[in-house]
């Protein structure tokens, strides 16, 4: 019964299949960029 309810609920379940991975990917990219900036600042501080 549960699988039947998730089959077609007006498109929100299909939207989650698209938005979920996009948000995950965006989070990974954001975290990588934040780490890169932090590492760049640390290496710039060491050079001074």
PDB file of N, CA and C in Angstrom:
ATOM      1  N   UNK A   1       0.824  -1.198   0.000  1.00  0.00           N
ATOM      2  CA  UNK A   1       0.000   0.000   0.000  1.00  0.00           C
ATOM      3  C   UNK A   1       0.865   1.258   0.000  1.00  0.00           C
ATOM      4  N   UNK A   2       1.964   1.273   0.752  1.00  0.00           N
ATOM      5  CA  UNK A   2       2.830   2.437   0.833  1.00  0.00           C
ATOM      6  C   UNK A   2       3.452   2.798  -0.504  1.00  0.00           C
ATOM      7  N   UNK A   3       3.853   1.786  -1.272  1.00  0.00           N
ATOM      8  CA  UNK A   3       4.459   2.049  -2.570  1.00  0.00           C
ATOM      9  C   UNK A   3       3.444   2.615  -3.550  1.00  0.00           C
ATOM     10  N   UNK A   4       2.207   2.188  -3.420  1.00  0.00           N
ATOM     11  CA  UNK A   4       1.157   2.698  -4.291  1.00  0.00           C
ATOM     12  C   UNK A   4       0.945   4.191  -4.044  1.00  0.00           C
ATOM     13  N   UNK A   5       1.007   4.614  -2.792  1.00  0.00           N
ATOM     14  CA  UNK A   5       0.793   6.017  -2.469  1.00  0.00           C
ATOM     15  C   UNK A   5       1.924   6.897  -2.991  1.00  0.00           C
ATOM     16  N   UNK A   6       3.146   6.353  -3.092  1.00  0.00           N
ATOM     17  CA  UNK A   6       4.270   7.144  -3.570  1.00  0.00           C
ATOM     18  C   UNK A   6       4.399   7.144  -5.095  1.00  0.00           C
ATOM     19  N   UNK A   7       3.541   6.410  -5.772  1.00  0.00           N
ATOM     20  CA  UNK A   7       3.676   6.280  -7.217  1.00  0.00           C
ATOM     21  C   UNK A   7       3.510   7.619  -7.923  1.00  0.00           C
ATOM     22  N   UNK A   8       2.395   8.283  -7.740  1.00  0.00           N
ATOM     23  CA  UNK A   8       2.161   9.571  -8.404  1.00  0.00           C
ATOM     24  C   UNK A   8       1.325  10.448  -7.484  1.00  0.00           C
ATOM     25  N   UNK A   9       1.984  11.372  -6.845  1.00  0.00           N
ATOM     26  CA  UNK A   9       1.299  12.273  -5.924  1.00  0.00           C
ATOM     27  C   UNK A   9       1.359  13.703  -6.463  1.00  0.00           C
ATOM     28  N   UNK A  10       1.008  13.898  -7.680  1.00  0.00           N
ATOM     29  CA  UNK A  10       0.979  15.227  -8.244  1.00  0.00           C
ATOM     30  C   UNK A  10       2.336  15.751  -8.661  1.00  0.00           C
ATOM     31  N   UNK A  11       3.327  14.901  -8.736  1.00  0.00           N
ATOM     32  CA  UNK A  11       4.633  15.309  -9.203  1.00  0.00           C
ATOM     33  C   UNK A  11       5.638  15.618  -8.116  1.00  0.00           C
ATOM     34  N   UNK A  12       5.218  15.721  -6.848  1.00  0.00           N
ATOM     35  CA  UNK A  12       6.175  16.084  -5.798  1.00  0.00           C
ATOM     36  C   UNK A  12       7.201  14.992  -5.576  1.00  0.00           C
ATOM     37  N   UNK A  13       6.798  13.726  -5.758  1.00  0.00           N
ATOM     38  CA  UNK A  13       7.759  12.645  -5.549  1.00  0.00           C
ATOM     39  C   UNK A  13       8.808  12.629  -6.663  1.00  0.00           C
ATOM     40  N   UNK A  14       8.401  12.922  -7.885  1.00  0.00           N
ATOM     41  CA  UNK A  14       9.363  13.004  -8.976  1.00  0.00           C
ATOM     42  C   UNK A  14      10.277  14.215  -8.787  1.00  0.00           C
ATOM     43  N   UNK A  15       9.742  15.294  -8.264  1.00  0.00           N
ATOM     44  CA  UNK A  15      10.546  16.480  -8.005  1.00  0.00           C
ATOM     45  C   UNK A  15      11.620  16.178  -6.960  1.00  0.00           C
ATOM     46  N   UNK A  16      11.285  15.389  -5.956  1.00  0.00           N
ATOM     47  CA  UNK A  16      12.273  15.012  -4.937  1.00  0.00           C
ATOM     48  C   UNK A  16      13.406  14.191  -5.545  1.00  0.00           C
ATOM     49  N   UNK A  17      13.088  13.384  -6.542  1.00  0.00           N
ATOM     50  CA  UNK A  17      14.124  12.582  -7.196  1.00  0.00           C
ATOM     51  C   UNK A  17      15.103  13.458  -7.963  1.00  0.00           C
ATOM     52  N   UNK A  18      14.679  14.638  -8.356  1.00  0.00           N
ATOM     53  CA  UNK A  18      15.558  15.575  -9.063  1.00  0.00           C
ATOM     54  C   UNK A  18      16.228  16.524  -8.074  1.00  0.00           C
ATOM     55  N   UNK A  19      15.450  17.102  -7.188  1.00  0.00           N
ATOM     56  CA  UNK A  19      15.948  18.123  -6.271  1.00  0.00           C
ATOM     57  C   UNK A  19      16.893  17.529  -5.223  1.00  0.00           C
ATOM     58  N   UNK A  20      16.611  16.334  -4.750  1.00  0.00           N
ATOM     59  CA  UNK A  20      17.454  15.711  -3.728  1.00  0.00           C
ATOM     60  C   UNK A  20      18.902  15.580  -4.153  1.00  0.00           C
ATOM     61  N   UNK A  21      19.186  14.912  -5.267  1.00  0.00           N
ATOM     62  CA  UNK A  21      20.577  14.807  -5.718  1.00  0.00           C
ATOM     63  C   UNK A  21      21.201  16.153  -6.062  1.00  0.00           C
ATOM     64  N   UNK A  22      20.409  17.087  -6.594  1.00  0.00           N
ATOM     65  CA  UNK A  22      20.957  18.414  -6.891  1.00  0.00           C
ATOM     66  C   UNK A  22      21.389  19.128  -5.616  1.00  0.00           C
ATOM     67  N   UNK A  23      20.580  19.032  -4.571  1.00  0.00           N
ATOM     68  CA  UNK A  23      20.945  19.653  -3.298  1.00  0.00           C
ATOM     69  C   UNK A  23      22.168  18.981  -2.698  1.00  0.00           C
ATOM     70  N   UNK A  24      22.241  17.676  -2.808  1.00  0.00           N
ATOM     71  CA  UNK A  24      23.410  16.956  -2.307  1.00  0.00           C
ATOM     72  C   UNK A  24      24.663  17.401  -3.043  1.00  0.00           C
ATOM     73  N   UNK A  25      24.600  17.468  -4.361  1.00  0.00           N
ATOM     74  CA  UNK A  25      25.739  17.902  -5.163  1.00  0.00           C
ATOM     75  C   UNK A  25      26.122  19.341  -4.841  1.00  0.00           C
ATOM     76  N   UNK A  26      25.130  20.213  -4.696  1.00  0.00           N
ATOM     77  CA  UNK A  26      25.404  21.617  -4.356  1.00  0.00           C
ATOM     78  C   UNK A  26      26.083  21.710  -2.994  1.00  0.00           C
ATOM     79  N   UNK A  27      25.659  20.902  -2.053  1.00  0.00           N
ATOM     80  CA  UNK A  27      26.286  20.894  -0.732  1.00  0.00           C
ATOM     81  C   UNK A  27      27.724  20.433  -0.787  1.00  0.00           C
ATOM     82  N   UNK A  28      27.999  19.424  -1.597  1.00  0.00           N
ATOM     83  CA  UNK A  28      29.373  18.923  -1.735  1.00  0.00           C
ATOM     84  C   UNK A  28      30.257  19.989  -2.373  1.00  0.00           C
ATOM     85  N   UNK A  29      29.762  20.645  -3.417  1.00  0.00           N
ATOM     86  CA  UNK A  29      30.536  21.695  -4.083  1.00  0.00           C
ATOM     87  C   UNK A  29      30.764  22.868  -3.139  1.00  0.00           C
ATOM     88  N   UNK A  30      29.753  23.267  -2.390  1.00  0.00           N
ATOM     89  CA  UNK A  30      29.871  24.375  -1.441  1.00  0.00           C
ATOM     90  C   UNK A  30      30.915  24.054  -0.381  1.00  0.00           C
ATOM     91  N   UNK A  31      30.874  22.835   0.141  1.00  0.00           N
ATOM     92  CA  UNK A  31      31.827  22.427   1.166  1.00  0.00           C
ATOM     93  C   UNK A  31      33.243  22.396   0.599  1.00  0.00           C
ATOM     94  N   UNK A  32      33.414  21.906  -0.609  1.00  0.00           N
ATOM     95  CA  UNK A  32      34.737  21.854  -1.228  1.00  0.00           C
ATOM     96  C   UNK A  32      35.278  23.260  -1.464  1.00  0.00           C
ATOM     97  N   UNK A  33      34.428  24.172  -1.901  1.00  0.00           N
ATOM     98  CA  UNK A  33      34.864  25.551  -2.132  1.00  0.00           C
ATOM     99  C   UNK A  33      35.255  26.210  -0.818  1.00  0.00           C
ATOM    100  N   UNK A  34      34.479  25.970   0.222  1.00  0.00           N
ATOM    101  CA  UNK A  34      34.780  26.545   1.536  1.00  0.00           C
ATOM    102  C   UNK A  34      36.120  26.036   2.056  1.00  0.00           C
ATOM    103  N   UNK A  35      36.369  24.736   1.879  1.00  0.00           N
ATOM    104  CA  UNK A  35      37.651  24.162   2.294  1.00  0.00           C
ATOM    105  C   UNK A  35      38.808  24.738   1.492  1.00  0.00           C
ATOM    106  N   UNK A  36      38.604  24.919   0.191  1.00  0.00           N
ATOM    107  CA  UNK A  36      39.663  25.453  -0.670  1.00  0.00           C
ATOM    108  C   UNK A  36      40.009  26.878  -0.271  1.00  0.00           C
ATOM    109  N   UNK A  37      39.010  27.693   0.016  1.00  0.00           N
ATOM    110  CA  UNK A  37      39.258  29.076   0.426  1.00  0.00           C
ATOM    111  C   UNK A  37      39.989  29.094   1.758  1.00  0.00           C
ATOM    112  N   UNK A  38      39.555  28.245   2.675  1.00  0.00           N
ATOM    113  CA  UNK A  38      40.195  28.189   3.988  1.00  0.00           C
ATOM    114  C   UNK A  38      41.658  27.746   3.859  1.00  0.00           C
ATOM    115  N   UNK A  39      41.897  26.760   3.007  1.00  0.00           N
ATOM    116  CA  UNK A  39      43.268  26.265   2.804  1.00  0.00           C
ATOM    117  C   UNK A  39      44.113  27.327   2.114  1.00  0.00           C
ATOM    118  N   UNK A  40      43.527  28.050   1.174  1.00  0.00           N
ATOM    119  CA  UNK A  40      44.250  29.111   0.475  1.00  0.00           C
ATOM    120  C   UNK A  40      44.635  30.230   1.446  1.00  0.00           C
ATOM    121  N   UNK A  41      43.718  30.578   2.320  1.00  0.00           N
ATOM    122  CA  UNK A  41      44.014  31.611   3.318  1.00  0.00           C
ATOM    123  C   UNK A  41      45.102  31.149   4.279  1.00  0.00           C
ATOM    124  N   UNK A  42      45.071  29.887   4.658  1.00  0.00           N
ATOM    125  CA  UNK A  42      46.083  29.353   5.581  1.00  0.00           C
ATOM    126  C   UNK A  42      47.461  29.361   4.930  1.00  0.00           C
ATOM    127  N   UNK A  43      47.521  28.999   3.660  1.00  0.00           N
ATOM    128  CA  UNK A  43      48.830  28.989   2.987  1.00  0.00           C
ATOM    129  C   UNK A  43      49.324  30.416   2.740  1.00  0.00           C
ATOM    130  N   UNK A  44      48.413  31.358   2.526  1.00  0.00           N
ATOM    131  CA  UNK A  44      48.805  32.761   2.364  1.00  0.00           C
ATOM    132  C   UNK A  44      49.338  33.313   3.680  1.00  0.00           C
ATOM    133  N   UNK A  45      48.750  32.902   4.796  1.00  0.00           N
ATOM    134  CA  UNK A  45      49.219  33.348   6.104  1.00  0.00           C
ATOM    135  C   UNK A  45      50.605  32.783   6.400  1.00  0.00           C
ATOM    136  N   UNK A  46      50.867  31.558   5.964  1.00  0.00           N
ATOM    137  CA  UNK A  46      52.177  30.952   6.175  1.00  0.00           C
ATOM    138  C   UNK A  46      53.259  31.648   5.356  1.00  0.00           C
ATOM    139  N   UNK A  47      52.893  32.152   4.180  1.00  0.00           N
ATOM    140  CA  UNK A  47      53.858  32.810   3.305  1.00  0.00           C
ATOM    141  C   UNK A  47      54.291  34.173   3.861  1.00  0.00           C
ATOM    142  N   UNK A  48      53.439  34.783   4.665  1.00  0.00           N
ATOM    143  CA  UNK A  48      53.760  36.115   5.204  1.00  0.00           C
ATOM    144  C   UNK A  48      54.734  36.028   6.288  1.00  0.00           C
TER     145      UNK A  48
END
